[in-house]
Every structure is written in C-alpha cells, then in structure tokens.
C-alpha cells in the first residue's frame, strides 16, 4: 500500500505540473474574459499568447479525471472505515475529504455543495460514535459553508 501511495502521489504531482499552465490561465479571470470578448476560442491563439497546446489540454483532462477517481476512492474508504467502526481513522478520512471539498477544485459549485451535503450526512455516523464527536459536529456545522447548508436542509425538511 505504501508503494502504491507513493506511485499515486507521484502521478498526481506529474499531472498537476503538466496541467498547471492551463489551470493558471483558467484562474485568470481577465484572460478568460478576453477570450470570451474576442470570441476566439482557438488553440493557436492560446498557444501563441499563453503557451497552451493540446498537450496541456489533455493533461488537464487526465488531471481532472484522476482527481475525480481519487475522490471516489476517498468516499469509499470513508464508508469502509465507518462500517468497520474505526472512528478515529474515519474521522481522519472525513477531515481529508473536507479539505478537498473546501479547496474549490470542483468543476461546478453545485458539485461542491452536493459533496458538502454528503460530507455532513456521513459525518453524523462518525460524530455520534467518536469520543470527541459532539464538539466536532458543532464545530463543523457552525462553519459558514456548512451552517448555511444545515439551515437550508432544516427548512426544506419542515416544508415536506
């Protein structure tokens, strides 16, 4: 497992490095707006101005796919730890997922909100069984990003 982890982390780093020019470009709102204003979504212009070509686009695709697959694996690992009632390890996995969800690396805000809702759902199993769970559930649900969701969920449950 340790060797596999080193291999996975190395692949993730290599994909991240290969995709970084395109990720940097996409994070620059002015550059993206310039493309939209010119209606010039062509590869030649991206290559000339920003040194972004087919290799970087393919690297971004592979990087996003790899992250998605890794995220699915983390959800599976969390579920397995909960089923085995390994509350300390489950809490670590929950925190790891929370960091990823809060890092804004999602394709859309809707996916991020859905992941936060699932995180809140799964966290209940851990927090109600972990020794320090009662205080940690309060900490999680009082964070702005999660408190808003908890309020909306509570309201929507009463509407039905």
N, C-alpha and C. Protein backbone atom coordinates (compact mmCIF):
# COMPACT_ATOMS: atom_id res chain seq x y z
N UNK A 1 0.82 -1.20 0.00
CA UNK A 1 0.00 0.00 0.00
C UNK A 1 0.87 1.26 0.00
N UNK A 2 1.97 1.21 0.75
CA UNK A 2 2.84 2.39 0.81
C UNK A 2 3.44 2.68 -0.56
N UNK A 3 3.89 1.63 -1.25
CA UNK A 3 4.44 1.81 -2.60
C UNK A 3 3.38 2.35 -3.55
N UNK A 4 2.16 1.82 -3.43
CA UNK A 4 1.06 2.27 -4.29
C UNK A 4 0.75 3.74 -4.02
N UNK A 5 0.78 4.12 -2.74
CA UNK A 5 0.51 5.51 -2.38
C UNK A 5 1.56 6.44 -2.99
N UNK A 6 2.83 6.04 -2.91
CA UNK A 6 3.91 6.85 -3.48
C UNK A 6 3.71 6.99 -4.99
N UNK A 7 3.32 5.90 -5.63
CA UNK A 7 3.07 5.91 -7.07
C UNK A 7 1.91 6.85 -7.42
N UNK A 8 0.84 6.78 -6.64
CA UNK A 8 -0.34 7.62 -6.91
C UNK A 8 -0.01 9.10 -6.69
N UNK A 9 0.69 9.40 -5.62
CA UNK A 9 1.06 10.79 -5.34
C UNK A 9 1.99 11.32 -6.42
N UNK A 10 2.91 10.51 -6.89
CA UNK A 10 3.82 10.93 -7.96
C UNK A 10 3.05 11.19 -9.25
N UNK A 11 2.09 10.33 -9.56
CA UNK A 11 1.27 10.54 -10.77
C UNK A 11 0.44 11.81 -10.65
N UNK A 12 -0.13 12.03 -9.49
CA UNK A 12 -0.93 13.24 -9.27
C UNK A 12 -0.07 14.48 -9.44
N UNK A 13 1.12 14.46 -8.88
CA UNK A 13 2.03 15.61 -8.99
C UNK A 13 2.43 15.85 -10.45
N UNK A 14 2.73 14.77 -11.18
CA UNK A 14 3.12 14.91 -12.58
C UNK A 14 1.96 15.49 -13.41
N UNK A 15 0.75 15.01 -13.16
CA UNK A 15 -0.41 15.53 -13.88
C UNK A 15 -0.68 16.99 -13.52
N UNK A 16 -0.52 17.30 -12.25
CA UNK A 16 -0.73 18.68 -11.79
C UNK A 16 0.28 19.62 -12.46
N UNK A 17 1.54 19.20 -12.53
CA UNK A 17 2.56 20.02 -13.17
C UNK A 17 2.28 20.21 -14.66
N UNK A 18 1.85 19.13 -15.32
CA UNK A 18 1.58 19.20 -16.75
C UNK A 18 0.38 20.10 -17.06
N UNK A 19 -0.59 20.11 -16.17
CA UNK A 19 -1.81 20.90 -16.39
C UNK A 19 -1.71 22.31 -15.85
N UNK A 20 -0.66 22.63 -15.11
CA UNK A 20 -0.58 23.92 -14.42
C UNK A 20 -0.66 25.15 -15.35
N UNK A 21 -0.08 25.15 -16.56
CA UNK A 21 -0.25 26.35 -17.41
C UNK A 21 -1.72 26.63 -17.73
N UNK A 22 -2.47 25.60 -18.03
CA UNK A 22 -3.88 25.79 -18.36
C UNK A 22 -4.69 26.14 -17.12
N UNK A 23 -4.38 25.53 -15.99
CA UNK A 23 -5.08 25.85 -14.73
C UNK A 23 -4.81 27.30 -14.36
N UNK A 24 -3.57 27.73 -14.48
CA UNK A 24 -3.22 29.13 -14.18
C UNK A 24 -3.98 30.08 -15.10
N UNK A 25 -4.03 29.73 -16.38
CA UNK A 25 -4.77 30.55 -17.33
C UNK A 25 -6.25 30.64 -16.95
N UNK A 26 -6.86 29.51 -16.62
CA UNK A 26 -8.28 29.48 -16.30
C UNK A 26 -8.60 30.21 -14.99
N UNK A 27 -7.62 30.33 -14.11
CA UNK A 27 -7.83 31.06 -12.86
C UNK A 27 -7.68 32.57 -13.06
N UNK A 28 -7.17 32.98 -14.20
CA UNK A 28 -7.01 34.39 -14.51
C UNK A 28 -8.30 34.88 -15.19
N UNK A 29 -9.15 35.52 -14.42
CA UNK A 29 -10.46 35.96 -14.93
C UNK A 29 -10.32 36.92 -16.10
N UNK A 30 -9.31 37.78 -16.08
CA UNK A 30 -9.11 38.74 -17.17
C UNK A 30 -8.78 38.03 -18.49
N UNK A 31 -7.92 37.03 -18.42
CA UNK A 31 -7.54 36.30 -19.63
C UNK A 31 -8.73 35.53 -20.19
N UNK A 32 -9.49 34.90 -19.33
CA UNK A 32 -10.67 34.16 -19.78
C UNK A 32 -11.70 35.13 -20.37
N UNK A 33 -11.87 36.27 -19.73
CA UNK A 33 -12.80 37.28 -20.24
C UNK A 33 -12.36 37.80 -21.60
N UNK A 34 -11.05 37.93 -21.77
CA UNK A 34 -10.51 38.37 -23.06
C UNK A 34 -10.88 37.38 -24.16
N UNK A 35 -10.78 36.11 -23.85
CA UNK A 35 -11.17 35.08 -24.83
C UNK A 35 -12.65 35.19 -25.17
N UNK A 36 -13.45 35.37 -24.14
CA UNK A 36 -14.90 35.46 -24.37
C UNK A 36 -15.26 36.70 -25.18
N UNK A 37 -14.59 37.80 -24.89
CA UNK A 37 -14.89 39.05 -25.59
C UNK A 37 -14.51 38.96 -27.07
N UNK A 38 -13.40 38.30 -27.34
CA UNK A 38 -12.94 38.18 -28.73
C UNK A 38 -13.64 37.07 -29.50
N UNK A 39 -14.34 36.22 -28.80
CA UNK A 39 -14.98 35.06 -29.41
C UNK A 39 -13.96 34.20 -30.15
N UNK A 40 -12.73 34.19 -29.64
CA UNK A 40 -11.63 33.46 -30.28
C UNK A 40 -11.20 32.31 -29.37
N UNK A 41 -11.95 31.27 -29.40
CA UNK A 41 -11.61 30.11 -28.58
C UNK A 41 -10.72 29.16 -29.38
N UNK A 42 -9.69 29.68 -29.99
CA UNK A 42 -8.88 28.78 -30.82
C UNK A 42 -7.57 28.44 -30.14
N UNK A 43 -7.12 27.29 -30.49
CA UNK A 43 -5.90 26.74 -29.89
C UNK A 43 -4.65 27.51 -30.30
N UNK A 44 -4.63 28.02 -31.51
CA UNK A 44 -3.46 28.76 -31.98
C UNK A 44 -3.20 30.00 -31.13
N UNK A 45 -4.28 30.74 -30.82
CA UNK A 45 -4.13 31.94 -30.01
C UNK A 45 -3.68 31.58 -28.59
N UNK A 46 -4.24 30.51 -28.02
CA UNK A 46 -3.81 30.07 -26.70
C UNK A 46 -2.34 29.68 -26.70
N UNK A 47 -1.92 29.02 -27.77
CA UNK A 47 -0.53 28.60 -27.88
C UNK A 47 0.40 29.80 -28.05
N UNK A 48 0.01 30.76 -28.87
CA UNK A 48 0.85 31.93 -29.12
C UNK A 48 0.99 32.81 -27.87
N UNK A 49 -0.11 33.09 -27.21
CA UNK A 49 -0.08 34.02 -26.08
C UNK A 49 0.29 33.38 -24.75
N UNK A 50 -0.17 32.15 -24.55
CA UNK A 50 -0.03 31.55 -23.21
C UNK A 50 0.73 30.22 -23.20
N UNK A 51 1.24 29.81 -24.34
CA UNK A 51 1.96 28.54 -24.46
C UNK A 51 1.10 27.36 -23.97
N UNK A 52 -0.15 27.37 -24.38
CA UNK A 52 -1.08 26.29 -24.04
C UNK A 52 -1.45 25.58 -25.33
N UNK A 53 -1.15 24.28 -25.36
CA UNK A 53 -1.43 23.49 -26.55
C UNK A 53 -2.23 22.24 -26.23
N UNK A 54 -2.34 21.36 -27.19
CA UNK A 54 -3.11 20.13 -26.99
C UNK A 54 -2.59 19.28 -25.83
N UNK A 55 -1.28 19.32 -25.60
CA UNK A 55 -0.72 18.53 -24.50
C UNK A 55 -1.22 19.00 -23.14
N UNK A 56 -1.31 20.32 -22.96
CA UNK A 56 -1.80 20.86 -21.69
C UNK A 56 -3.30 20.59 -21.52
N UNK A 57 -4.03 20.64 -22.61
CA UNK A 57 -5.47 20.36 -22.53
C UNK A 57 -5.69 18.89 -22.17
N UNK A 58 -4.94 18.01 -22.79
CA UNK A 58 -5.03 16.58 -22.45
C UNK A 58 -4.59 16.34 -21.01
N UNK A 59 -3.54 17.05 -20.59
CA UNK A 59 -3.06 16.90 -19.21
C UNK A 59 -4.11 17.35 -18.21
N UNK A 60 -4.82 18.45 -18.52
CA UNK A 60 -5.88 18.92 -17.64
C UNK A 60 -7.01 17.89 -17.56
N UNK A 61 -7.36 17.32 -18.68
CA UNK A 61 -8.38 16.27 -18.69
C UNK A 61 -7.96 15.09 -17.81
N UNK A 62 -6.73 14.62 -18.00
CA UNK A 62 -6.23 13.48 -17.21
C UNK A 62 -6.14 13.82 -15.73
N UNK A 63 -5.73 15.05 -15.43
CA UNK A 63 -5.63 15.52 -14.04
C UNK A 63 -7.01 15.54 -13.38
N UNK A 64 -8.00 16.10 -14.08
CA UNK A 64 -9.36 16.16 -13.54
C UNK A 64 -9.93 14.76 -13.36
N UNK A 65 -9.69 13.89 -14.32
CA UNK A 65 -10.18 12.51 -14.24
C UNK A 65 -9.53 11.79 -13.06
N UNK A 66 -8.25 11.99 -12.90
CA UNK A 66 -7.52 11.34 -11.80
C UNK A 66 -8.03 11.84 -10.45
N UNK A 67 -8.26 13.15 -10.36
CA UNK A 67 -8.79 13.70 -9.10
C UNK A 67 -10.18 13.14 -8.81
N UNK A 68 -11.01 13.06 -9.83
CA UNK A 68 -12.36 12.52 -9.65
C UNK A 68 -12.30 11.08 -9.15
N UNK A 69 -11.45 10.28 -9.78
CA UNK A 69 -11.32 8.89 -9.37
C UNK A 69 -10.76 8.78 -7.96
N UNK A 70 -9.82 9.65 -7.61
CA UNK A 70 -9.26 9.64 -6.26
C UNK A 70 -10.31 10.04 -5.24
N UNK A 71 -11.14 11.01 -5.58
CA UNK A 71 -12.18 11.46 -4.68
C UNK A 71 -13.18 10.32 -4.43
N UNK A 72 -13.53 9.60 -5.47
CA UNK A 72 -14.43 8.46 -5.30
C UNK A 72 -13.82 7.41 -4.38
N UNK A 73 -12.54 7.20 -4.53
CA UNK A 73 -11.85 6.23 -3.67
C UNK A 73 -11.86 6.69 -2.21
N UNK A 74 -11.71 8.00 -1.99
CA UNK A 74 -11.74 8.51 -0.61
C UNK A 74 -13.12 8.34 0.02
N UNK A 75 -14.17 8.57 -0.76
CA UNK A 75 -15.52 8.35 -0.24
C UNK A 75 -15.69 6.87 0.13
N UNK A 76 -15.19 5.98 -0.72
CA UNK A 76 -15.27 4.54 -0.44
C UNK A 76 -14.50 4.16 0.80
N UNK A 77 -13.32 4.75 0.97
CA UNK A 77 -12.52 4.47 2.16
C UNK A 77 -13.22 4.96 3.42
N UNK A 78 -13.86 6.14 3.34
CA UNK A 78 -14.62 6.67 4.47
C UNK A 78 -15.75 5.71 4.84
N UNK A 79 -16.49 5.27 3.85
CA UNK A 79 -17.60 4.34 4.10
C UNK A 79 -17.11 3.04 4.73
N UNK A 80 -15.99 2.54 4.24
CA UNK A 80 -15.44 1.30 4.79
C UNK A 80 -15.02 1.47 6.25
N UNK A 81 -14.39 2.58 6.57
CA UNK A 81 -13.97 2.82 7.96
C UNK A 81 -15.18 2.97 8.88
N UNK A 82 -16.25 3.59 8.38
CA UNK A 82 -17.46 3.71 9.18
C UNK A 82 -18.07 2.33 9.41
N UNK A 83 -18.14 1.52 8.36
CA UNK A 83 -18.72 0.18 8.50
C UNK A 83 -17.91 -0.70 9.45
N UNK A 84 -16.59 -0.49 9.47
CA UNK A 84 -15.74 -1.26 10.39
C UNK A 84 -15.68 -0.63 11.78
N UNK A 85 -16.34 0.52 11.93
CA UNK A 85 -16.40 1.25 13.19
C UNK A 85 -15.03 1.67 13.69
N UNK A 86 -14.16 2.03 12.76
CA UNK A 86 -12.85 2.59 13.08
C UNK A 86 -13.02 4.11 13.13
N UNK A 87 -13.52 4.61 14.24
CA UNK A 87 -13.95 6.00 14.31
C UNK A 87 -12.81 6.99 14.20
N UNK A 88 -11.64 6.67 14.75
CA UNK A 88 -10.50 7.59 14.64
C UNK A 88 -10.04 7.72 13.19
N UNK A 89 -9.92 6.59 12.51
CA UNK A 89 -9.48 6.61 11.11
C UNK A 89 -10.57 7.24 10.24
N UNK A 90 -11.83 6.93 10.54
CA UNK A 90 -12.94 7.53 9.78
C UNK A 90 -12.92 9.05 9.93
N UNK A 91 -12.61 9.54 11.12
CA UNK A 91 -12.54 10.98 11.34
C UNK A 91 -11.40 11.59 10.52
N UNK A 92 -10.27 10.92 10.42
CA UNK A 92 -9.16 11.40 9.59
C UNK A 92 -9.58 11.47 8.12
N UNK A 93 -10.28 10.43 7.66
CA UNK A 93 -10.74 10.40 6.27
C UNK A 93 -11.77 11.50 6.02
N UNK A 94 -12.63 11.72 6.99
CA UNK A 94 -13.63 12.79 6.89
C UNK A 94 -12.95 14.14 6.75
N UNK A 95 -11.94 14.38 7.57
CA UNK A 95 -11.20 15.65 7.51
C UNK A 95 -10.45 15.80 6.19
N UNK A 96 -9.91 14.70 5.68
CA UNK A 96 -9.22 14.74 4.38
C UNK A 96 -10.21 15.12 3.27
N UNK A 97 -11.39 14.50 3.28
CA UNK A 97 -12.41 14.82 2.30
C UNK A 97 -12.87 16.27 2.44
N UNK A 98 -13.01 16.73 3.66
CA UNK A 98 -13.44 18.11 3.90
C UNK A 98 -12.44 19.10 3.30
N UNK A 99 -11.16 18.84 3.48
CA UNK A 99 -10.12 19.70 2.91
C UNK A 99 -10.22 19.75 1.39
N UNK A 100 -10.45 18.60 0.78
CA UNK A 100 -10.56 18.54 -0.67
C UNK A 100 -11.81 19.28 -1.14
N UNK A 101 -12.92 19.05 -0.46
CA UNK A 101 -14.17 19.70 -0.83
C UNK A 101 -14.07 21.21 -0.69
N UNK A 102 -13.43 21.66 0.37
CA UNK A 102 -13.32 23.10 0.61
C UNK A 102 -12.23 23.78 -0.21
N UNK A 103 -11.45 23.02 -0.95
CA UNK A 103 -10.34 23.59 -1.72
C UNK A 103 -10.78 24.23 -3.03
N UNK A 104 -12.06 24.20 -3.35
CA UNK A 104 -12.60 24.80 -4.57
C UNK A 104 -12.05 24.18 -5.84
N UNK A 105 -11.75 22.90 -5.83
CA UNK A 105 -11.23 22.25 -7.03
C UNK A 105 -12.33 21.49 -7.76
N UNK A 106 -13.58 21.91 -7.59
CA UNK A 106 -14.70 21.22 -8.22
C UNK A 106 -15.05 21.86 -9.55
N UNK A 107 -15.64 21.05 -10.42
CA UNK A 107 -15.99 21.54 -11.74
C UNK A 107 -17.13 22.54 -11.70
N UNK A 108 -17.99 22.42 -10.69
CA UNK A 108 -19.09 23.38 -10.58
C UNK A 108 -19.44 23.60 -9.12
N UNK A 109 -19.99 24.74 -8.78
CA UNK A 109 -20.41 25.00 -7.40
C UNK A 109 -21.46 24.00 -6.93
N UNK A 110 -22.31 23.54 -7.84
CA UNK A 110 -23.33 22.56 -7.48
C UNK A 110 -22.70 21.26 -6.99
N UNK A 111 -21.66 20.79 -7.68
CA UNK A 111 -20.96 19.57 -7.25
C UNK A 111 -20.33 19.76 -5.88
N UNK A 112 -19.81 20.94 -5.64
CA UNK A 112 -19.18 21.22 -4.35
C UNK A 112 -20.23 21.23 -3.23
N UNK A 113 -21.38 21.84 -3.49
CA UNK A 113 -22.45 21.87 -2.48
C UNK A 113 -22.96 20.46 -2.21
N UNK A 114 -23.14 19.68 -3.26
CA UNK A 114 -23.60 18.31 -3.09
C UNK A 114 -22.59 17.50 -2.26
N UNK A 115 -21.32 17.70 -2.52
CA UNK A 115 -20.29 17.00 -1.75
C UNK A 115 -20.31 17.43 -0.28
N UNK A 116 -20.54 18.72 -0.03
CA UNK A 116 -20.64 19.19 1.35
C UNK A 116 -21.84 18.56 2.06
N UNK A 117 -22.94 18.43 1.35
CA UNK A 117 -24.13 17.82 1.95
C UNK A 117 -23.85 16.36 2.28
N UNK A 118 -23.22 15.64 1.37
CA UNK A 118 -22.87 14.25 1.65
C UNK A 118 -21.89 14.15 2.81
N UNK A 119 -20.95 15.08 2.88
CA UNK A 119 -20.00 15.09 3.98
C UNK A 119 -20.73 15.27 5.31
N UNK A 120 -21.69 16.18 5.33
CA UNK A 120 -22.47 16.40 6.56
C UNK A 120 -23.23 15.12 6.93
N UNK A 121 -23.79 14.47 5.94
CA UNK A 121 -24.53 13.23 6.18
C UNK A 121 -23.63 12.15 6.79
N UNK A 122 -22.51 11.88 6.12
CA UNK A 122 -21.60 10.85 6.60
C UNK A 122 -20.98 11.21 7.94
N UNK A 123 -20.80 12.51 8.18
CA UNK A 123 -20.17 12.92 9.44
C UNK A 123 -21.01 12.55 10.65
N UNK A 124 -22.31 12.45 10.48
CA UNK A 124 -23.18 12.10 11.61
C UNK A 124 -22.83 10.74 12.19
N UNK A 125 -22.52 9.77 11.33
CA UNK A 125 -22.14 8.44 11.80
C UNK A 125 -20.90 8.52 12.68
N UNK A 126 -19.96 9.33 12.26
CA UNK A 126 -18.69 9.45 12.98
C UNK A 126 -18.88 10.25 14.26
N UNK A 127 -19.49 11.40 14.15
CA UNK A 127 -19.59 12.30 15.31
C UNK A 127 -20.43 11.71 16.44
N UNK A 128 -21.43 10.90 16.13
CA UNK A 128 -22.23 10.31 17.19
C UNK A 128 -21.60 9.07 17.79
N UNK A 129 -20.48 8.63 17.25
CA UNK A 129 -19.79 7.46 17.78
C UNK A 129 -18.37 7.75 18.25
N UNK A 130 -17.81 8.86 17.87
CA UNK A 130 -16.44 9.22 18.25
C UNK A 130 -16.47 9.87 19.64
N UNK A 131 -15.41 9.65 20.41
CA UNK A 131 -15.34 10.19 21.77
C UNK A 131 -15.50 11.71 21.80
N UNK A 132 -14.88 12.40 20.86
CA UNK A 132 -14.91 13.86 20.82
C UNK A 132 -15.88 14.38 19.76
N UNK A 133 -16.80 13.53 19.34
CA UNK A 133 -17.68 13.85 18.23
C UNK A 133 -18.65 14.98 18.49
N UNK A 134 -19.15 15.09 19.71
CA UNK A 134 -20.17 16.11 20.00
C UNK A 134 -19.64 17.52 19.77
N UNK A 135 -18.41 17.76 20.17
CA UNK A 135 -17.86 19.10 19.95
C UNK A 135 -17.48 19.31 18.49
N UNK A 136 -17.02 18.24 17.83
CA UNK A 136 -16.61 18.38 16.44
C UNK A 136 -17.79 18.60 15.50
N UNK A 137 -18.94 18.01 15.83
CA UNK A 137 -20.12 18.25 14.98
C UNK A 137 -20.55 19.70 15.08
N UNK A 138 -20.44 20.26 16.27
CA UNK A 138 -20.78 21.67 16.45
C UNK A 138 -19.81 22.55 15.67
N UNK A 139 -18.52 22.21 15.74
CA UNK A 139 -17.52 22.98 15.00
C UNK A 139 -17.78 22.94 13.50
N UNK A 140 -18.06 21.75 12.96
CA UNK A 140 -18.29 21.62 11.52
C UNK A 140 -19.55 22.36 11.10
N UNK A 141 -20.64 22.14 11.81
CA UNK A 141 -21.91 22.71 11.38
C UNK A 141 -22.01 24.21 11.64
N UNK A 142 -21.10 24.77 12.42
CA UNK A 142 -21.08 26.21 12.64
C UNK A 142 -20.16 26.96 11.68
N UNK A 143 -19.41 26.25 10.85
CA UNK A 143 -18.60 26.91 9.84
C UNK A 143 -19.55 27.49 8.78
N UNK A 144 -19.25 28.66 8.28
CA UNK A 144 -20.15 29.36 7.36
C UNK A 144 -20.64 28.49 6.21
N UNK A 145 -19.72 27.79 5.55
CA UNK A 145 -20.08 27.00 4.38
C UNK A 145 -21.06 25.88 4.72
N UNK A 146 -20.96 25.37 5.94
CA UNK A 146 -21.81 24.25 6.35
C UNK A 146 -23.04 24.71 7.11
N UNK A 147 -22.93 25.81 7.84
CA UNK A 147 -24.08 26.32 8.60
C UNK A 147 -25.19 26.74 7.66
N UNK A 148 -24.84 27.37 6.55
CA UNK A 148 -25.84 27.78 5.56
C UNK A 148 -26.58 26.57 5.02
N UNK A 149 -25.84 25.51 4.71
CA UNK A 149 -26.46 24.29 4.19
C UNK A 149 -27.35 23.64 5.24
N UNK A 150 -26.85 23.60 6.49
CA UNK A 150 -27.64 22.99 7.56
C UNK A 150 -28.96 23.72 7.75
N UNK A 151 -28.93 25.03 7.68
CA UNK A 151 -30.15 25.83 7.81
C UNK A 151 -31.10 25.54 6.66
N UNK A 152 -30.58 25.51 5.45
CA UNK A 152 -31.43 25.24 4.28
C UNK A 152 -32.01 23.84 4.34
N UNK A 153 -31.22 22.86 4.77
CA UNK A 153 -31.72 21.50 4.88
C UNK A 153 -32.81 21.39 5.93
N UNK A 154 -32.61 22.07 7.04
CA UNK A 154 -33.59 22.03 8.11
C UNK A 154 -34.90 22.65 7.63
N UNK A 155 -34.83 23.76 6.94
CA UNK A 155 -36.03 24.42 6.42
C UNK A 155 -36.72 23.53 5.39
N UNK A 156 -35.96 22.94 4.50
CA UNK A 156 -36.57 22.11 3.46
C UNK A 156 -37.20 20.85 4.05
N UNK A 157 -36.65 20.32 5.15
CA UNK A 157 -37.24 19.14 5.77
C UNK A 157 -38.59 19.49 6.37
N UNK A 158 -38.74 20.69 6.91
CA UNK A 158 -40.01 21.08 7.51
C UNK A 158 -41.05 21.42 6.46
N UNK A 159 -40.61 21.70 5.24
CA UNK A 159 -41.56 22.02 4.18
C UNK A 159 -42.29 20.78 3.68
N UNK A 160 -41.74 19.62 3.92
CA UNK A 160 -42.37 18.39 3.46
C UNK A 160 -43.17 17.84 4.57
